[in-house]
């Protein structure tokens, strides 16, 4: 129970106190963003979320399925 509470607290801290994020350093992305008007830069920021949220959801979904399947495999080995 304490481990689960600690894991939830760590996840909450990671979500609420994110490290400063910077671009990957891709010169094409940096130059495109730097030369774009403010409205286009805002669109690029939204695009990151539009592409990142579904990918993150798939990742979390796969982790959840793997987590749920693990105890069933261990129970079969004990029998």
PDB file of N, CA and C in Angstrom:
ATOM      1  N   UNK A   1       0.819  -1.187   0.000  1.00  0.00           N
ATOM      2  CA  UNK A   1       0.000   0.000   0.000  1.00  0.00           C
ATOM      3  C   UNK A   1       0.869   1.260   0.000  1.00  0.00           C
ATOM      4  N   UNK A   2       1.937   1.228   0.787  1.00  0.00           N
ATOM      5  CA  UNK A   2       2.832   2.380   0.866  1.00  0.00           C
ATOM      6  C   UNK A   2       3.559   2.573  -0.461  1.00  0.00           C
ATOM      7  N   UNK A   3       3.939   1.457  -1.091  1.00  0.00           N
ATOM      8  CA  UNK A   3       4.610   1.551  -2.394  1.00  0.00           C
ATOM      9  C   UNK A   3       3.712   2.202  -3.430  1.00  0.00           C
ATOM     10  N   UNK A   4       2.452   1.827  -3.428  1.00  0.00           N
ATOM     11  CA  UNK A   4       1.506   2.386  -4.389  1.00  0.00           C
ATOM     12  C   UNK A   4       1.311   3.886  -4.136  1.00  0.00           C
ATOM     13  N   UNK A   5       1.194   4.270  -2.875  1.00  0.00           N
ATOM     14  CA  UNK A   5       1.040   5.678  -2.523  1.00  0.00           C
ATOM     15  C   UNK A   5       2.281   6.475  -2.929  1.00  0.00           C
ATOM     16  N   UNK A   6       3.450   5.897  -2.723  1.00  0.00           N
ATOM     17  CA  UNK A   6       4.693   6.554  -3.120  1.00  0.00           C
ATOM     18  C   UNK A   6       4.782   6.702  -4.636  1.00  0.00           C
ATOM     19  N   UNK A   7       4.347   5.688  -5.374  1.00  0.00           N
ATOM     20  CA  UNK A   7       4.354   5.754  -6.832  1.00  0.00           C
ATOM     21  C   UNK A   7       3.394   6.826  -7.334  1.00  0.00           C
ATOM     22  N   UNK A   8       2.217   6.937  -6.724  1.00  0.00           N
ATOM     23  CA  UNK A   8       1.246   7.959  -7.122  1.00  0.00           C
ATOM     24  C   UNK A   8       1.796   9.348  -6.804  1.00  0.00           C
ATOM     25  N   UNK A   9       2.446   9.493  -5.658  1.00  0.00           N
ATOM     26  CA  UNK A   9       3.032  10.783  -5.291  1.00  0.00           C
ATOM     27  C   UNK A   9       4.148  11.173  -6.262  1.00  0.00           C
ATOM     28  N   UNK A  10       4.983  10.216  -6.653  1.00  0.00           N
ATOM     29  CA  UNK A  10       6.061  10.498  -7.603  1.00  0.00           C
ATOM     30  C   UNK A  10       5.498  10.887  -8.965  1.00  0.00           C
ATOM     31  N   UNK A  11       4.459  10.194  -9.407  1.00  0.00           N
ATOM     32  CA  UNK A  11       3.825  10.530 -10.682  1.00  0.00           C
ATOM     33  C   UNK A  11       3.211  11.923 -10.620  1.00  0.00           C
ATOM     34  N   UNK A  12       2.547  12.233  -9.525  1.00  0.00           N
ATOM     35  CA  UNK A  12       1.959  13.556  -9.367  1.00  0.00           C
ATOM     36  C   UNK A  12       3.009  14.657  -9.386  1.00  0.00           C
ATOM     37  N   UNK A  13       4.130  14.418  -8.712  1.00  0.00           N
ATOM     38  CA  UNK A  13       5.209  15.410  -8.706  1.00  0.00           C
ATOM     39  C   UNK A  13       5.784  15.589 -10.104  1.00  0.00           C
ATOM     40  N   UNK A  14       5.914  14.495 -10.836  1.00  0.00           N
ATOM     41  CA  UNK A  14       6.457  14.582 -12.197  1.00  0.00           C
ATOM     42  C   UNK A  14       5.528  15.355 -13.121  1.00  0.00           C
ATOM     43  N   UNK A  15       4.230  15.223 -12.909  1.00  0.00           N
ATOM     44  CA  UNK A  15       3.277  15.932 -13.757  1.00  0.00           C
ATOM     45  C   UNK A  15       3.122  17.395 -13.363  1.00  0.00           C
ATOM     46  N   UNK A  16       3.195  17.692 -12.075  1.00  0.00           N
ATOM     47  CA  UNK A  16       2.985  19.060 -11.619  1.00  0.00           C
ATOM     48  C   UNK A  16       4.249  19.901 -11.635  1.00  0.00           C
ATOM     49  N   UNK A  17       5.413  19.275 -11.591  1.00  0.00           N
ATOM     50  CA  UNK A  17       6.677  20.011 -11.553  1.00  0.00           C
ATOM     51  C   UNK A  17       7.584  19.581 -12.707  1.00  0.00           C
ATOM     52  N   UNK A  18       7.151  19.775 -13.951  1.00  0.00           N
ATOM     53  CA  UNK A  18       7.968  19.298 -15.068  1.00  0.00           C
ATOM     54  C   UNK A  18       9.243  20.118 -15.234  1.00  0.00           C
ATOM     55  N   UNK A  19      10.265  19.451 -15.697  1.00  0.00           N
ATOM     56  CA  UNK A  19      11.521  20.137 -16.000  1.00  0.00           C
ATOM     57  C   UNK A  19      11.306  21.024 -17.221  1.00  0.00           C
ATOM     58  N   UNK A  20      12.057  22.079 -17.346  1.00  0.00           N
ATOM     59  CA  UNK A  20      11.915  22.925 -18.539  1.00  0.00           C
ATOM     60  C   UNK A  20      12.187  22.098 -19.804  1.00  0.00           C
ATOM     61  N   UNK A  21      11.282  22.187 -20.733  1.00  0.00           N
ATOM     62  CA  UNK A  21      11.406  21.425 -21.975  1.00  0.00           C
ATOM     63  C   UNK A  21      11.966  22.325 -23.062  1.00  0.00           C
ATOM     64  N   UNK A  22      12.862  21.773 -23.825  1.00  0.00           N
ATOM     65  CA  UNK A  22      13.443  22.507 -24.935  1.00  0.00           C
ATOM     66  C   UNK A  22      13.332  21.641 -26.186  1.00  0.00           C
ATOM     67  N   UNK A  23      13.502  22.280 -27.308  1.00  0.00           N
ATOM     68  CA  UNK A  23      13.475  21.534 -28.566  1.00  0.00           C
ATOM     69  C   UNK A  23      14.627  20.538 -28.584  1.00  0.00           C
ATOM     70  N   UNK A  24      14.517  19.543 -29.433  1.00  0.00           N
ATOM     71  CA  UNK A  24      15.543  18.512 -29.506  1.00  0.00           C
ATOM     72  C   UNK A  24      16.848  19.033 -30.088  1.00  0.00           C
ATOM     73  N   UNK A  25      16.834  20.180 -30.660  1.00  0.00           N
ATOM     74  CA  UNK A  25      18.049  20.705 -31.241  1.00  0.00           C
ATOM     75  C   UNK A  25      18.090  20.520 -32.750  1.00  0.00           C
ATOM     76  N   UNK A  26      17.012  20.048 -33.330  1.00  0.00           N
ATOM     77  CA  UNK A  26      16.929  19.880 -34.773  1.00  0.00           C
ATOM     78  C   UNK A  26      17.002  21.266 -35.419  1.00  0.00           C
ATOM     79  N   UNK A  27      17.989  21.479 -36.252  1.00  0.00           N
ATOM     80  CA  UNK A  27      18.167  22.811 -36.837  1.00  0.00           C
ATOM     81  C   UNK A  27      16.995  23.191 -37.739  1.00  0.00           C
ATOM     82  N   UNK A  28      16.410  22.235 -38.439  1.00  0.00           N
ATOM     83  CA  UNK A  28      15.267  22.537 -39.292  1.00  0.00           C
ATOM     84  C   UNK A  28      14.075  23.006 -38.452  1.00  0.00           C
ATOM     85  N   UNK A  29      13.786  22.298 -37.364  1.00  0.00           N
ATOM     86  CA  UNK A  29      12.670  22.693 -36.495  1.00  0.00           C
ATOM     87  C   UNK A  29      12.935  24.049 -35.854  1.00  0.00           C
ATOM     88  N   UNK A  30      14.143  24.242 -35.370  1.00  0.00           N
ATOM     89  CA  UNK A  30      14.481  25.505 -34.713  1.00  0.00           C
ATOM     90  C   UNK A  30      14.371  26.674 -35.687  1.00  0.00           C
ATOM     91  N   UNK A  31      14.904  26.526 -36.890  1.00  0.00           N
ATOM     92  CA  UNK A  31      14.855  27.602 -37.878  1.00  0.00           C
ATOM     93  C   UNK A  31      13.425  27.880 -38.340  1.00  0.00           C
ATOM     94  N   UNK A  32      12.645  26.824 -38.525  1.00  0.00           N
ATOM     95  CA  UNK A  32      11.252  26.996 -38.949  1.00  0.00           C
ATOM     96  C   UNK A  32      10.465  27.740 -37.883  1.00  0.00           C
ATOM     97  N   UNK A  33      10.660  27.368 -36.646  1.00  0.00           N
ATOM     98  CA  UNK A  33       9.937  28.013 -35.553  1.00  0.00           C
ATOM     99  C   UNK A  33      10.404  29.445 -35.360  1.00  0.00           C
ATOM    100  N   UNK A  34      11.690  29.688 -35.433  1.00  0.00           N
ATOM    101  CA  UNK A  34      12.226  31.030 -35.208  1.00  0.00           C
ATOM    102  C   UNK A  34      11.770  32.001 -36.296  1.00  0.00           C
ATOM    103  N   UNK A  35      11.644  31.515 -37.524  1.00  0.00           N
ATOM    104  CA  UNK A  35      11.261  32.389 -38.620  1.00  0.00           C
ATOM    105  C   UNK A  35       9.767  32.525 -38.826  1.00  0.00           C
ATOM    106  N   UNK A  36       8.991  31.814 -38.040  1.00  0.00           N
ATOM    107  CA  UNK A  36       7.542  31.825 -38.226  1.00  0.00           C
ATOM    108  C   UNK A  36       6.900  32.939 -37.406  1.00  0.00           C
ATOM    109  N   UNK A  37       5.777  33.432 -37.882  1.00  0.00           N
ATOM    110  CA  UNK A  37       5.017  34.406 -37.084  1.00  0.00           C
ATOM    111  C   UNK A  37       4.473  33.747 -35.809  1.00  0.00           C
ATOM    112  N   UNK A  38       4.062  34.587 -34.876  1.00  0.00           N
ATOM    113  CA  UNK A  38       3.593  34.088 -33.573  1.00  0.00           C
ATOM    114  C   UNK A  38       2.423  33.119 -33.705  1.00  0.00           C
ATOM    115  N   UNK A  39       1.531  33.380 -34.642  1.00  0.00           N
ATOM    116  CA  UNK A  39       0.357  32.511 -34.812  1.00  0.00           C
ATOM    117  C   UNK A  39       0.787  31.101 -35.272  1.00  0.00           C
ATOM    118  N   UNK A  40       1.773  31.025 -36.147  1.00  0.00           N
ATOM    119  CA  UNK A  40       2.259  29.719 -36.602  1.00  0.00           C
ATOM    120  C   UNK A  40       3.004  28.987 -35.490  1.00  0.00           C
ATOM    121  N   UNK A  41       3.751  29.711 -34.673  1.00  0.00           N
ATOM    122  CA  UNK A  41       4.452  29.076 -33.546  1.00  0.00           C
ATOM    123  C   UNK A  41       3.446  28.465 -32.581  1.00  0.00           C
ATOM    124  N   UNK A  42       2.350  29.169 -32.345  1.00  0.00           N
ATOM    125  CA  UNK A  42       1.302  28.633 -31.470  1.00  0.00           C
ATOM    126  C   UNK A  42       0.692  27.369 -32.084  1.00  0.00           C
ATOM    127  N   UNK A  43       0.516  27.365 -33.391  1.00  0.00           N
ATOM    128  CA  UNK A  43       0.007  26.172 -34.068  1.00  0.00           C
ATOM    129  C   UNK A  43       0.949  24.991 -33.943  1.00  0.00           C
ATOM    130  N   UNK A  44       2.234  25.259 -34.006  1.00  0.00           N
ATOM    131  CA  UNK A  44       3.217  24.182 -33.843  1.00  0.00           C
ATOM    132  C   UNK A  44       3.192  23.632 -32.428  1.00  0.00           C
ATOM    133  N   UNK A  45       3.011  24.490 -31.447  1.00  0.00           N
ATOM    134  CA  UNK A  45       2.906  24.026 -30.057  1.00  0.00           C
ATOM    135  C   UNK A  45       1.673  23.146 -29.870  1.00  0.00           C
ATOM    136  N   UNK A  46       0.571  23.553 -30.470  1.00  0.00           N
ATOM    137  CA  UNK A  46      -0.644  22.733 -30.393  1.00  0.00           C
ATOM    138  C   UNK A  46      -0.454  21.410 -31.120  1.00  0.00           C
ATOM    139  N   UNK A  47       0.280  21.445 -32.217  1.00  0.00           N
ATOM    140  CA  UNK A  47       0.538  20.219 -32.962  1.00  0.00           C
ATOM    141  C   UNK A  47       1.293  19.194 -32.144  1.00  0.00           C
ATOM    142  N   UNK A  48       2.184  19.661 -31.293  1.00  0.00           N
ATOM    143  CA  UNK A  48       2.918  18.749 -30.414  1.00  0.00           C
ATOM    144  C   UNK A  48       1.943  18.021 -29.502  1.00  0.00           C
ATOM    145  N   UNK A  49       0.986  18.736 -28.939  1.00  0.00           N
ATOM    146  CA  UNK A  49      -0.011  18.101 -28.076  1.00  0.00           C
ATOM    147  C   UNK A  49      -0.912  17.161 -28.866  1.00  0.00           C
ATOM    148  N   UNK A  50      -1.323  17.598 -30.048  1.00  0.00           N
ATOM    149  CA  UNK A  50      -2.212  16.769 -30.870  1.00  0.00           C
ATOM    150  C   UNK A  50      -1.541  15.445 -31.226  1.00  0.00           C
ATOM    151  N   UNK A  51      -0.252  15.469 -31.476  1.00  0.00           N
ATOM    152  CA  UNK A  51       0.460  14.243 -31.807  1.00  0.00           C
ATOM    153  C   UNK A  51       0.924  13.486 -30.566  1.00  0.00           C
ATOM    154  N   UNK A  52       1.204  14.199 -29.497  1.00  0.00           N
ATOM    155  CA  UNK A  52       1.756  13.565 -28.302  1.00  0.00           C
ATOM    156  C   UNK A  52       0.737  12.892 -27.410  1.00  0.00           C
ATOM    157  N   UNK A  53      -0.433  13.479 -27.272  1.00  0.00           N
ATOM    158  CA  UNK A  53      -1.436  12.911 -26.358  1.00  0.00           C
ATOM    159  C   UNK A  53      -1.914  11.532 -26.815  1.00  0.00           C
ATOM    160  N   UNK A  54      -2.265  11.314 -28.077  1.00  0.00           N
ATOM    161  CA  UNK A  54      -2.663   9.956 -28.476  1.00  0.00           C
ATOM    162  C   UNK A  54      -1.524   8.941 -28.350  1.00  0.00           C
ATOM    163  N   UNK A  55      -0.310   9.359 -28.688  1.00  0.00           N
ATOM    164  CA  UNK A  55       0.825   8.440 -28.561  1.00  0.00           C
ATOM    165  C   UNK A  55       1.055   8.074 -27.100  1.00  0.00           C
ATOM    166  N   UNK A  56       0.940   9.053 -26.214  1.00  0.00           N
ATOM    167  CA  UNK A  56       1.075   8.771 -24.783  1.00  0.00           C
ATOM    168  C   UNK A  56      -0.036   7.865 -24.283  1.00  0.00           C
ATOM    169  N   UNK A  57      -1.251   8.066 -24.794  1.00  0.00           N
ATOM    170  CA  UNK A  57      -2.373   7.211 -24.408  1.00  0.00           C
ATOM    171  C   UNK A  57      -2.164   5.761 -24.825  1.00  0.00           C
ATOM    172  N   UNK A  58      -1.651   5.565 -26.021  1.00  0.00           N
ATOM    173  CA  UNK A  58      -1.353   4.200 -26.478  1.00  0.00           C
ATOM    174  C   UNK A  58      -0.278   3.573 -25.594  1.00  0.00           C
ATOM    175  N   UNK A  59       0.754   4.351 -25.275  1.00  0.00           N
ATOM    176  CA  UNK A  59       1.831   3.855 -24.421  1.00  0.00           C
ATOM    177  C   UNK A  59       1.302   3.445 -23.048  1.00  0.00           C
ATOM    178  N   UNK A  60       0.491   4.300 -22.439  1.00  0.00           N
ATOM    179  CA  UNK A  60      -0.070   3.996 -21.121  1.00  0.00           C
ATOM    180  C   UNK A  60      -1.013   2.803 -21.213  1.00  0.00           C
ATOM    181  N   UNK A  61      -1.784   2.701 -22.288  1.00  0.00           N
ATOM    182  CA  UNK A  61      -2.678   1.565 -22.463  1.00  0.00           C
ATOM    183  C   UNK A  61      -1.933   0.245 -22.564  1.00  0.00           C
ATOM    184  N   UNK A  62      -0.841   0.237 -23.293  1.00  0.00           N
ATOM    185  CA  UNK A  62      -0.039  -0.985 -23.403  1.00  0.00           C
ATOM    186  C   UNK A  62       0.567  -1.347 -22.062  1.00  0.00           C
ATOM    187  N   UNK A  63       1.038  -0.350 -21.321  1.00  0.00           N
ATOM    188  CA  UNK A  63       1.571  -0.618 -19.985  1.00  0.00           C
ATOM    189  C   UNK A  63       0.502  -1.187 -19.059  1.00  0.00           C
ATOM    190  N   UNK A  64      -0.715  -0.657 -19.145  1.00  0.00           N
ATOM    191  CA  UNK A  64      -1.800  -1.147 -18.297  1.00  0.00           C
ATOM    192  C   UNK A  64      -2.139  -2.597 -18.633  1.00  0.00           C
ATOM    193  N   UNK A  65      -2.179  -2.923 -19.900  1.00  0.00           N
ATOM    194  CA  UNK A  65      -2.466  -4.305 -20.300  1.00  0.00           C
ATOM    195  C   UNK A  65      -1.355  -5.232 -19.823  1.00  0.00           C
ATOM    196  N   UNK A  66      -0.110  -4.808 -19.982  1.00  0.00           N
ATOM    197  CA  UNK A  66       1.018  -5.633 -19.525  1.00  0.00           C
ATOM    198  C   UNK A  66       0.969  -5.804 -18.013  1.00  0.00           C
ATOM    199  N   UNK A  67       0.594  -4.757 -17.287  1.00  0.00           N
ATOM    200  CA  UNK A  67       0.516  -4.831 -15.831  1.00  0.00           C
ATOM    201  C   UNK A  67      -0.568  -5.817 -15.395  1.00  0.00           C
ATOM    202  N   UNK A  68      -1.703  -5.780 -16.086  1.00  0.00           N
ATOM    203  CA  UNK A  68      -2.810  -6.667 -15.726  1.00  0.00           C
ATOM    204  C   UNK A  68      -2.503  -8.121 -16.077  1.00  0.00           C
ATOM    205  N   UNK A  69      -1.735  -8.373 -17.105  1.00  0.00           N
ATOM    206  CA  UNK A  69      -1.443  -9.742 -17.530  1.00  0.00           C
ATOM    207  C   UNK A  69      -0.377 -10.393 -16.659  1.00  0.00           C
ATOM    208  N   UNK A  70       0.495  -9.631 -16.050  1.00  0.00           N
ATOM    209  CA  UNK A  70       1.590 -10.182 -15.277  1.00  0.00           C
ATOM    210  C   UNK A  70       1.131 -11.069 -14.116  1.00  0.00           C
ATOM    211  N   UNK A  71       0.193 -10.667 -13.264  1.00  0.00           N
ATOM    212  CA  UNK A  71      -0.218 -11.543 -12.163  1.00  0.00           C
ATOM    213  C   UNK A  71      -0.835 -12.859 -12.640  1.00  0.00           C
ATOM    214  N   UNK A  72      -1.540 -12.847 -13.763  1.00  0.00           N
ATOM    215  CA  UNK A  72      -2.134 -14.077 -14.256  1.00  0.00           C
ATOM    216  C   UNK A  72      -1.064 -15.083 -14.647  1.00  0.00           C
ATOM    217  N   UNK A  73       0.033 -14.638 -15.239  1.00  0.00           N
ATOM    218  CA  UNK A  73       1.111 -15.547 -15.601  1.00  0.00           C
ATOM    219  C   UNK A  73       1.783 -16.139 -14.379  1.00  0.00           C
ATOM    220  N   UNK A  74       1.954 -15.345 -13.335  1.00  0.00           N
ATOM    221  CA  UNK A  74       2.583 -15.837 -12.113  1.00  0.00           C
ATOM    222  C   UNK A  74       1.699 -16.854 -11.404  1.00  0.00           C
ATOM    223  N   UNK A  75       0.382 -16.675 -11.431  1.00  0.00           N
ATOM    224  CA  UNK A  75      -0.542 -17.603 -10.805  1.00  0.00           C
ATOM    225  C   UNK A  75      -0.508 -18.961 -11.506  1.00  0.00           C
ATOM    226  N   UNK A  76      -0.375 -18.971 -12.806  1.00  0.00           N
ATOM    227  CA  UNK A  76      -0.327 -20.233 -13.561  1.00  0.00           C
ATOM    228  C   UNK A  76       0.958 -20.994 -13.260  1.00  0.00           C
ATOM    229  N   UNK A  77       2.063 -20.287 -13.050  1.00  0.00           N
ATOM    230  CA  UNK A  77       3.327 -20.961 -12.737  1.00  0.00           C
ATOM    231  C   UNK A  77       3.291 -21.611 -11.367  1.00  0.00           C
ATOM    232  N   UNK A  78       2.558 -21.038 -10.420  1.00  0.00           N
ATOM    233  CA  UNK A  78       2.483 -21.595  -9.066  1.00  0.00           C
ATOM    234  C   UNK A  78       1.699 -22.897  -9.033  1.00  0.00           C
ATOM    235  N   UNK A  79       0.704 -23.041  -9.898  1.00  0.00           N
ATOM    236  CA  UNK A  79      -0.156 -24.238  -9.876  1.00  0.00           C
ATOM    237  C   UNK A  79       0.521 -25.444 -10.437  1.00  0.00           C
TER     238      UNK A  79
END
